[in-house]
Amino acid sequence: MPITCFIHYEIDPGRTEAFEQYARNWGQAIPRAGADLIGYFAPHEGSATTAYAAYNIENLAAYEAYRARLAGDPLGRENFAFARRERFIVKEDRIFLRLVSAPHAPLVKA
């Protein structure tokens, strides 16, 4: 079973559009580098400074190989530079978790 990387971002609330562009760029680069992107999530209601991202990866060894591929990807390099240059990310924390509730029951739609 894969592990899931959850990224918690604190972003500048006046720069949400820049974060959204950053997220769209990762939507292209991350899958090319070998991770199963679940998605990037920007503020909608509540906190204007909290954003998240999540992706699945086979294991920590696969994560290291993925990071190397991402660093070599032209869009990946540009996106890292974009974030440094534009400074819309105030803080970024990463944690790896494993799914322990599966298998899940079928979804019931009322």
N, C-alpha and C. Protein backbone atom coordinates (compact mmCIF):
# COMPACT_ATOMS: atom_id res chain seq x y z
N MET A 1 0.85 -1.17 0.00
CA MET A 1 0.00 0.00 0.00
C MET A 1 0.90 1.25 0.00
N PRO A 2 0.57 2.24 -0.83
CA PRO A 2 1.39 3.45 -0.88
C PRO A 2 1.29 4.29 0.39
N ILE A 3 2.19 5.23 0.50
CA ILE A 3 2.10 6.24 1.54
C ILE A 3 1.60 7.53 0.89
N THR A 4 1.01 8.38 1.69
CA THR A 4 0.50 9.64 1.17
C THR A 4 1.27 10.78 1.81
N CYS A 5 1.75 11.66 0.96
CA CYS A 5 2.42 12.88 1.42
C CYS A 5 1.38 13.98 1.49
N PHE A 6 1.21 14.54 2.67
CA PHE A 6 0.33 15.68 2.88
C PHE A 6 1.20 16.91 3.10
N ILE A 7 0.93 17.96 2.37
CA ILE A 7 1.69 19.21 2.52
C ILE A 7 0.72 20.27 3.03
N HIS A 8 1.09 20.89 4.14
CA HIS A 8 0.32 21.99 4.71
C HIS A 8 1.07 23.28 4.38
N TYR A 9 0.38 24.21 3.75
CA TYR A 9 0.96 25.49 3.39
C TYR A 9 0.31 26.60 4.19
N GLU A 10 1.11 27.55 4.60
CA GLU A 10 0.60 28.85 5.03
C GLU A 10 0.96 29.79 3.90
N ILE A 11 -0.06 30.42 3.31
CA ILE A 11 0.17 31.29 2.16
C ILE A 11 -0.21 32.72 2.48
N ASP A 12 0.33 33.64 1.72
CA ASP A 12 -0.02 35.05 1.83
C ASP A 12 -1.45 35.19 1.31
N PRO A 13 -2.40 35.68 2.12
CA PRO A 13 -3.80 35.73 1.68
C PRO A 13 -4.03 36.66 0.49
N GLY A 14 -3.14 37.57 0.25
CA GLY A 14 -3.26 38.46 -0.91
C GLY A 14 -2.67 37.87 -2.17
N ARG A 15 -2.11 36.67 -2.08
CA ARG A 15 -1.42 36.04 -3.22
C ARG A 15 -2.01 34.68 -3.58
N THR A 16 -3.30 34.50 -3.31
CA THR A 16 -3.95 33.21 -3.59
C THR A 16 -3.85 32.85 -5.07
N GLU A 17 -3.96 33.82 -5.95
CA GLU A 17 -3.88 33.54 -7.39
C GLU A 17 -2.52 32.97 -7.75
N ALA A 18 -1.47 33.48 -7.13
CA ALA A 18 -0.12 32.94 -7.39
C ALA A 18 -0.03 31.49 -6.91
N PHE A 19 -0.60 31.21 -5.74
CA PHE A 19 -0.60 29.83 -5.25
C PHE A 19 -1.38 28.93 -6.21
N GLU A 20 -2.49 29.40 -6.72
CA GLU A 20 -3.29 28.59 -7.65
C GLU A 20 -2.51 28.29 -8.93
N GLN A 21 -1.73 29.24 -9.43
CA GLN A 21 -0.90 28.99 -10.61
C GLN A 21 0.18 27.95 -10.27
N TYR A 22 0.78 28.10 -9.12
CA TYR A 22 1.77 27.14 -8.61
C TYR A 22 1.16 25.73 -8.57
N ALA A 23 -0.04 25.62 -8.06
CA ALA A 23 -0.73 24.33 -7.96
C ALA A 23 -1.01 23.74 -9.35
N ARG A 24 -1.47 24.57 -10.28
CA ARG A 24 -1.74 24.07 -11.63
C ARG A 24 -0.46 23.57 -12.29
N ASN A 25 0.64 24.27 -12.06
CA ASN A 25 1.92 23.81 -12.61
C ASN A 25 2.30 22.45 -12.04
N TRP A 26 2.13 22.27 -10.72
CA TRP A 26 2.42 20.97 -10.13
C TRP A 26 1.48 19.89 -10.65
N GLY A 27 0.28 20.28 -11.02
CA GLY A 27 -0.67 19.33 -11.60
C GLY A 27 -0.15 18.69 -12.87
N GLN A 28 0.77 19.36 -13.54
CA GLN A 28 1.42 18.80 -14.73
C GLN A 28 2.73 18.09 -14.38
N ALA A 29 3.54 18.72 -13.55
CA ALA A 29 4.89 18.21 -13.29
C ALA A 29 4.93 17.00 -12.35
N ILE A 30 4.11 16.99 -11.32
CA ILE A 30 4.17 15.91 -10.32
C ILE A 30 3.84 14.55 -10.93
N PRO A 31 2.76 14.40 -11.69
CA PRO A 31 2.51 13.08 -12.29
C PRO A 31 3.62 12.65 -13.25
N ARG A 32 4.18 13.60 -14.00
CA ARG A 32 5.28 13.26 -14.91
C ARG A 32 6.49 12.74 -14.15
N ALA A 33 6.66 13.20 -12.91
CA ALA A 33 7.81 12.79 -12.11
C ALA A 33 7.56 11.47 -11.37
N GLY A 34 6.32 10.96 -11.40
CA GLY A 34 6.07 9.63 -10.87
C GLY A 34 5.25 9.53 -9.60
N ALA A 35 4.64 10.63 -9.14
CA ALA A 35 3.77 10.56 -7.97
C ALA A 35 2.31 10.66 -8.42
N ASP A 36 1.44 10.01 -7.67
CA ASP A 36 0.00 10.02 -7.96
C ASP A 36 -0.63 11.21 -7.23
N LEU A 37 -0.76 12.31 -7.94
CA LEU A 37 -1.26 13.54 -7.33
C LEU A 37 -2.75 13.43 -7.02
N ILE A 38 -3.09 13.63 -5.76
CA ILE A 38 -4.49 13.71 -5.35
C ILE A 38 -5.00 15.11 -5.64
N GLY A 39 -4.22 16.12 -5.27
CA GLY A 39 -4.58 17.48 -5.63
C GLY A 39 -4.01 18.53 -4.71
N TYR A 40 -4.15 19.76 -5.14
CA TYR A 40 -3.81 20.96 -4.38
C TYR A 40 -5.12 21.63 -4.02
N PHE A 41 -5.18 22.17 -2.82
CA PHE A 41 -6.41 22.75 -2.31
C PHE A 41 -6.12 24.15 -1.76
N ALA A 42 -6.79 25.15 -2.32
CA ALA A 42 -6.61 26.55 -1.92
C ALA A 42 -7.74 26.98 -1.01
N PRO A 43 -7.55 28.06 -0.26
CA PRO A 43 -8.60 28.54 0.64
C PRO A 43 -9.91 28.82 -0.11
N HIS A 44 -11.00 28.48 0.55
CA HIS A 44 -12.33 28.76 0.00
C HIS A 44 -13.20 29.44 1.05
N GLU A 45 -13.38 28.79 2.19
CA GLU A 45 -14.11 29.35 3.34
C GLU A 45 -13.24 29.15 4.57
N GLY A 46 -13.41 29.99 5.54
CA GLY A 46 -12.60 29.86 6.76
C GLY A 46 -11.27 30.58 6.58
N SER A 47 -10.20 29.91 6.92
CA SER A 47 -8.87 30.52 6.86
C SER A 47 -8.52 30.94 5.44
N ALA A 48 -7.98 32.14 5.30
CA ALA A 48 -7.52 32.63 4.00
C ALA A 48 -6.05 32.33 3.80
N THR A 49 -5.42 31.69 4.77
CA THR A 49 -3.98 31.46 4.70
C THR A 49 -3.60 29.98 4.66
N THR A 50 -4.57 29.08 4.73
CA THR A 50 -4.28 27.65 4.80
C THR A 50 -4.58 26.98 3.48
N ALA A 51 -3.60 26.23 2.97
CA ALA A 51 -3.76 25.45 1.74
C ALA A 51 -3.10 24.09 1.96
N TYR A 52 -3.49 23.14 1.12
CA TYR A 52 -2.97 21.78 1.26
C TYR A 52 -2.68 21.17 -0.11
N ALA A 53 -1.85 20.15 -0.08
CA ALA A 53 -1.62 19.29 -1.25
C ALA A 53 -1.46 17.87 -0.73
N ALA A 54 -1.78 16.91 -1.59
CA ALA A 54 -1.61 15.50 -1.22
C ALA A 54 -1.30 14.68 -2.46
N TYR A 55 -0.39 13.74 -2.30
CA TYR A 55 -0.11 12.79 -3.37
C TYR A 55 0.35 11.46 -2.77
N ASN A 56 0.12 10.41 -3.54
CA ASN A 56 0.53 9.07 -3.13
C ASN A 56 1.85 8.73 -3.80
N ILE A 57 2.65 7.98 -3.07
CA ILE A 57 3.94 7.50 -3.57
C ILE A 57 4.16 6.11 -2.97
N GLU A 58 4.85 5.26 -3.69
CA GLU A 58 5.00 3.86 -3.28
C GLU A 58 5.65 3.70 -1.91
N ASN A 59 6.75 4.42 -1.68
CA ASN A 59 7.49 4.33 -0.42
C ASN A 59 8.49 5.48 -0.36
N LEU A 60 9.27 5.56 0.70
CA LEU A 60 10.21 6.68 0.84
C LEU A 60 11.35 6.60 -0.17
N ALA A 61 11.76 5.41 -0.57
CA ALA A 61 12.78 5.29 -1.61
C ALA A 61 12.25 5.83 -2.93
N ALA A 62 11.00 5.49 -3.27
CA ALA A 62 10.37 6.02 -4.48
C ALA A 62 10.22 7.53 -4.39
N TYR A 63 9.98 8.04 -3.19
CA TYR A 63 9.88 9.49 -2.99
C TYR A 63 11.19 10.18 -3.34
N GLU A 64 12.31 9.60 -2.90
CA GLU A 64 13.62 10.21 -3.20
C GLU A 64 13.87 10.24 -4.71
N ALA A 65 13.53 9.16 -5.41
CA ALA A 65 13.69 9.13 -6.86
C ALA A 65 12.75 10.13 -7.54
N TYR A 66 11.54 10.22 -7.04
CA TYR A 66 10.57 11.20 -7.56
C TYR A 66 11.09 12.62 -7.39
N ARG A 67 11.62 12.94 -6.22
CA ARG A 67 12.14 14.30 -5.98
C ARG A 67 13.27 14.64 -6.94
N ALA A 68 14.12 13.66 -7.23
CA ALA A 68 15.21 13.90 -8.19
C ALA A 68 14.64 14.16 -9.59
N ARG A 69 13.65 13.37 -10.00
CA ARG A 69 13.03 13.59 -11.32
C ARG A 69 12.34 14.95 -11.36
N LEU A 70 11.66 15.32 -10.29
CA LEU A 70 10.97 16.60 -10.23
C LEU A 70 11.95 17.77 -10.34
N ALA A 71 13.08 17.64 -9.67
CA ALA A 71 14.11 18.69 -9.74
C ALA A 71 14.70 18.82 -11.14
N GLY A 72 14.67 17.73 -11.92
CA GLY A 72 15.18 17.76 -13.28
C GLY A 72 14.15 18.15 -14.32
N ASP A 73 12.90 18.22 -13.93
CA ASP A 73 11.82 18.57 -14.86
C ASP A 73 11.85 20.09 -15.11
N PRO A 74 11.82 20.54 -16.36
CA PRO A 74 11.87 21.99 -16.62
C PRO A 74 10.75 22.76 -15.91
N LEU A 75 9.52 22.26 -15.95
CA LEU A 75 8.42 22.95 -15.27
C LEU A 75 8.60 22.88 -13.76
N GLY A 76 9.11 21.77 -13.25
CA GLY A 76 9.39 21.65 -11.82
C GLY A 76 10.41 22.68 -11.37
N ARG A 77 11.50 22.81 -12.12
CA ARG A 77 12.52 23.82 -11.77
C ARG A 77 11.93 25.22 -11.80
N GLU A 78 11.16 25.52 -12.84
CA GLU A 78 10.56 26.85 -12.95
C GLU A 78 9.57 27.11 -11.83
N ASN A 79 8.82 26.08 -11.43
CA ASN A 79 7.83 26.29 -10.37
C ASN A 79 8.50 26.53 -9.02
N PHE A 80 9.59 25.81 -8.74
CA PHE A 80 10.36 26.09 -7.52
C PHE A 80 10.86 27.54 -7.54
N ALA A 81 11.39 27.97 -8.69
CA ALA A 81 11.90 29.35 -8.82
C ALA A 81 10.77 30.37 -8.70
N PHE A 82 9.61 30.06 -9.28
CA PHE A 82 8.45 30.94 -9.20
C PHE A 82 8.06 31.18 -7.74
N ALA A 83 8.00 30.11 -6.95
CA ALA A 83 7.63 30.24 -5.54
C ALA A 83 8.66 31.06 -4.77
N ARG A 84 9.94 30.82 -5.02
CA ARG A 84 10.98 31.61 -4.34
C ARG A 84 10.90 33.08 -4.72
N ARG A 85 10.72 33.33 -6.00
CA ARG A 85 10.69 34.71 -6.51
C ARG A 85 9.47 35.47 -6.01
N GLU A 86 8.31 34.85 -6.05
CA GLU A 86 7.05 35.53 -5.74
C GLU A 86 6.70 35.53 -4.26
N ARG A 87 7.29 34.64 -3.48
CA ARG A 87 7.17 34.61 -2.02
C ARG A 87 5.73 34.57 -1.50
N PHE A 88 4.88 33.79 -2.14
CA PHE A 88 3.49 33.65 -1.69
C PHE A 88 3.33 32.54 -0.67
N ILE A 89 4.34 31.68 -0.54
CA ILE A 89 4.31 30.63 0.48
C ILE A 89 5.07 31.14 1.70
N VAL A 90 4.37 31.24 2.83
CA VAL A 90 4.97 31.71 4.07
C VAL A 90 5.64 30.55 4.80
N LYS A 91 4.96 29.39 4.79
CA LYS A 91 5.45 28.22 5.51
C LYS A 91 4.94 26.97 4.81
N GLU A 92 5.76 25.93 4.83
CA GLU A 92 5.39 24.65 4.21
C GLU A 92 5.84 23.51 5.11
N ASP A 93 4.92 22.62 5.45
CA ASP A 93 5.22 21.44 6.26
C ASP A 93 4.75 20.21 5.51
N ARG A 94 5.55 19.15 5.60
CA ARG A 94 5.25 17.90 4.89
C ARG A 94 5.22 16.75 5.88
N ILE A 95 4.25 15.86 5.72
CA ILE A 95 4.15 14.66 6.56
C ILE A 95 3.74 13.49 5.66
N PHE A 96 4.24 12.31 6.00
CA PHE A 96 3.89 11.10 5.27
C PHE A 96 3.03 10.22 6.17
N LEU A 97 1.87 9.83 5.67
CA LEU A 97 0.94 9.00 6.43
C LEU A 97 0.56 7.78 5.59
N ARG A 98 0.07 6.75 6.26
CA ARG A 98 -0.41 5.57 5.55
C ARG A 98 -1.88 5.37 5.86
N LEU A 99 -2.62 4.92 4.89
CA LEU A 99 -4.04 4.66 5.03
C LEU A 99 -4.24 3.41 5.87
N VAL A 100 -5.03 3.52 6.94
CA VAL A 100 -5.27 2.37 7.80
C VAL A 100 -6.75 2.02 7.94
N SER A 101 -7.64 2.75 7.30
CA SER A 101 -9.07 2.49 7.43
C SER A 101 -9.63 1.60 6.33
N ALA A 102 -8.86 1.28 5.33
CA ALA A 102 -9.35 0.48 4.20
C ALA A 102 -9.46 -1.00 4.58
N PRO A 103 -10.33 -1.75 3.98
CA PRO A 103 -11.22 -1.33 2.89
C PRO A 103 -12.43 -0.57 3.41
N HIS A 104 -12.90 0.34 2.60
CA HIS A 104 -14.06 1.16 2.96
C HIS A 104 -15.34 0.55 2.41
N ALA A 105 -16.42 0.80 3.08
CA ALA A 105 -17.73 0.39 2.58
C ALA A 105 -18.09 1.25 1.35
N PRO A 106 -18.97 0.75 0.51
CA PRO A 106 -19.41 1.56 -0.64
C PRO A 106 -20.08 2.85 -0.17
N LEU A 107 -19.90 3.89 -0.94
CA LEU A 107 -20.52 5.18 -0.65
C LEU A 107 -22.02 5.09 -0.88
N VAL A 108 -22.79 5.55 0.08
CA VAL A 108 -24.25 5.60 -0.04
C VAL A 108 -24.63 7.04 -0.32
N LYS A 109 -25.33 7.24 -1.41
CA LYS A 109 -25.80 8.58 -1.77
C LYS A 109 -27.29 8.64 -1.50
N ALA A 110 -27.68 9.58 -0.66
CA ALA A 110 -29.10 9.69 -0.30
C ALA A 110 -29.85 10.52 -1.31
